[in-house]
Amino acid sequence: MKYTRYFAATRGRPDRAIIEDEWIRRVMDNPVREYIQQDGRIRRWAPIDEMGGRYLRVVLLSDGATVHNAFFDRGFKP
């Protein structure tokens, strides 16, 4: 999995350290929603059953393969 330096730096935070690579890949491959930002970055969301159905947001660079951010989105409404 490719990722930005920003993602590598934030991954050490306690709220982000629990996010597994498999969950990120799952969101990348099977999102329930996708939004393309004006800067070309791609937001994708999917529920993570292992976390009680909380929605994980994964932000990708415009190449669709490089992870820039990943976090549980408390404000997401399916």
C-alpha atoms as a PDB file:
ATOM      1  CA  MET A   1       0.000   0.000   0.000  1.00  0.00           C
ATOM      2  CA  LYS A   2       1.374   3.407  -0.965  1.00  0.00           C
ATOM      3  CA  TYR A   3       0.944   6.341   1.415  1.00  0.00           C
ATOM      4  CA  THR A   4       2.050   9.926   1.879  1.00  0.00           C
ATOM      5  CA  ARG A   5       4.491  11.155   4.508  1.00  0.00           C
ATOM      6  CA  TYR A   6       1.582  12.951   6.153  1.00  0.00           C
ATOM      7  CA  PHE A   7      -0.261   9.651   6.588  1.00  0.00           C
ATOM      8  CA  ALA A   8       2.863   7.990   7.992  1.00  0.00           C
ATOM      9  CA  ALA A   9       3.275  10.819  10.515  1.00  0.00           C
ATOM     10  CA  THR A  10      -0.358  10.836  11.700  1.00  0.00           C
ATOM     11  CA  ARG A  11      -0.545   7.058  11.916  1.00  0.00           C
ATOM     12  CA  GLY A  12       1.268   7.155  15.249  1.00  0.00           C
ATOM     13  CA  ARG A  13      -1.539   9.051  16.961  1.00  0.00           C
ATOM     14  CA  PRO A  14      -3.517   6.873  19.401  1.00  0.00           C
ATOM     15  CA  ASP A  15      -6.825   7.422  17.567  1.00  0.00           C
ATOM     16  CA  ARG A  16      -5.225   6.427  14.249  1.00  0.00           C
ATOM     17  CA  ALA A  17      -2.952   3.606  15.422  1.00  0.00           C
ATOM     18  CA  ILE A  18      -5.945   1.266  15.812  1.00  0.00           C
ATOM     19  CA  ILE A  19      -6.783   1.480  12.097  1.00  0.00           C
ATOM     20  CA  GLU A  20      -5.651  -1.681  10.346  1.00  0.00           C
ATOM     21  CA  ASP A  21      -4.253  -1.804   6.809  1.00  0.00           C
ATOM     22  CA  GLU A  22      -6.873  -4.391   5.888  1.00  0.00           C
ATOM     23  CA  TRP A  23      -9.654  -1.966   6.837  1.00  0.00           C
ATOM     24  CA  ILE A  24      -8.108   0.758   4.688  1.00  0.00           C
ATOM     25  CA  ARG A  25      -7.873  -1.641   1.748  1.00  0.00           C
ATOM     26  CA  ARG A  26     -11.493  -2.683   2.307  1.00  0.00           C
ATOM     27  CA  VAL A  27     -12.649   0.941   2.102  1.00  0.00           C
ATOM     28  CA  MET A  28     -10.510   1.535  -0.986  1.00  0.00           C
ATOM     29  CA  ASP A  29     -11.946  -1.498  -2.777  1.00  0.00           C
ATOM     30  CA  ASN A  30     -15.591  -1.398  -1.598  1.00  0.00           C
ATOM     31  CA  PRO A  31     -16.698   2.101  -0.589  1.00  0.00           C
ATOM     32  CA  VAL A  32     -20.340   2.831   0.159  1.00  0.00           C
ATOM     33  CA  ARG A  33     -19.753   6.419  -0.952  1.00  0.00           C
ATOM     34  CA  GLU A  34     -17.106   8.294  -2.894  1.00  0.00           C
ATOM     35  CA  TYR A  35     -16.535  12.020  -3.272  1.00  0.00           C
ATOM     36  CA  ILE A  36     -13.912  13.687  -5.446  1.00  0.00           C
ATOM     37  CA  GLN A  37     -12.638  16.936  -3.969  1.00  0.00           C
ATOM     38  CA  GLN A  38     -11.819  19.990  -6.103  1.00  0.00           C
ATOM     39  CA  ASP A  39      -8.102  19.304  -5.618  1.00  0.00           C
ATOM     40  CA  GLY A  40      -8.574  15.811  -7.093  1.00  0.00           C
ATOM     41  CA  ARG A  41      -8.258  13.884  -3.845  1.00  0.00           C
ATOM     42  CA  ILE A  42     -10.750  11.080  -3.424  1.00  0.00           C
ATOM     43  CA  ARG A  43     -12.733  10.470  -0.239  1.00  0.00           C
ATOM     44  CA  ARG A  44     -14.171   6.996   0.312  1.00  0.00           C
ATOM     45  CA  TRP A  45     -16.238   5.663   3.204  1.00  0.00           C
ATOM     46  CA  ALA A  46     -17.238   2.200   4.387  1.00  0.00           C
ATOM     47  CA  PRO A  47     -18.425   0.695   7.679  1.00  0.00           C
ATOM     48  CA  ILE A  48     -15.984  -1.396   9.686  1.00  0.00           C
ATOM     49  CA  ASP A  49     -17.857  -4.238  11.404  1.00  0.00           C
ATOM     50  CA  GLU A  50     -14.970  -4.901  13.784  1.00  0.00           C
ATOM     51  CA  MET A  51     -15.450  -1.371  15.145  1.00  0.00           C
ATOM     52  CA  GLY A  52     -19.198  -1.621  15.681  1.00  0.00           C
ATOM     53  CA  GLY A  53     -20.073  -0.416  12.193  1.00  0.00           C
ATOM     54  CA  ARG A  54     -18.270   2.918  12.540  1.00  0.00           C
ATOM     55  CA  TYR A  55     -17.471   4.499   9.174  1.00  0.00           C
ATOM     56  CA  LEU A  56     -13.850   4.766   8.134  1.00  0.00           C
ATOM     57  CA  ARG A  57     -13.005   7.616   5.763  1.00  0.00           C
ATOM     58  CA  VAL A  58      -9.982   7.064   3.550  1.00  0.00           C
ATOM     59  CA  VAL A  59      -8.602  10.009   1.590  1.00  0.00           C
ATOM     60  CA  LEU A  60      -6.593   9.075  -1.489  1.00  0.00           C
ATOM     61  CA  LEU A  61      -4.480  11.188  -3.773  1.00  0.00           C
ATOM     62  CA  SER A  62      -5.843  11.712  -7.279  1.00  0.00           C
ATOM     63  CA  ASP A  63      -4.060   8.534  -8.452  1.00  0.00           C
ATOM     64  CA  GLY A  64      -6.641   6.539  -6.469  1.00  0.00           C
ATOM     65  CA  ALA A  65      -3.927   4.363  -4.918  1.00  0.00           C
ATOM     66  CA  THR A  66      -1.933   6.533  -2.483  1.00  0.00           C
ATOM     67  CA  VAL A  67      -3.423   6.908   1.005  1.00  0.00           C
ATOM     68  CA  HIS A  68      -3.214  10.461   2.369  1.00  0.00           C
ATOM     69  CA  ASN A  69      -5.448  10.088   5.432  1.00  0.00           C
ATOM     70  CA  ALA A  70      -7.668   7.565   7.213  1.00  0.00           C
ATOM     71  CA  PHE A  71      -9.880   8.129  10.233  1.00  0.00           C
ATOM     72  CA  PHE A  72     -13.233   7.193  11.717  1.00  0.00           C
ATOM     73  CA  ASP A  73     -15.686   9.852  10.551  1.00  0.00           C
ATOM     74  CA  ARG A  74     -18.145  10.595  13.346  1.00  0.00           C
ATOM     75  CA  GLY A  75     -20.146  12.977  11.163  1.00  0.00           C
ATOM     76  CA  PHE A  76     -20.715  10.640   8.215  1.00  0.00           C
ATOM     77  CA  LYS A  77     -24.339   9.805   7.426  1.00  0.00           C
ATOM     78  CA  PRO A  78     -24.882   6.918   4.985  1.00  0.00           C
END
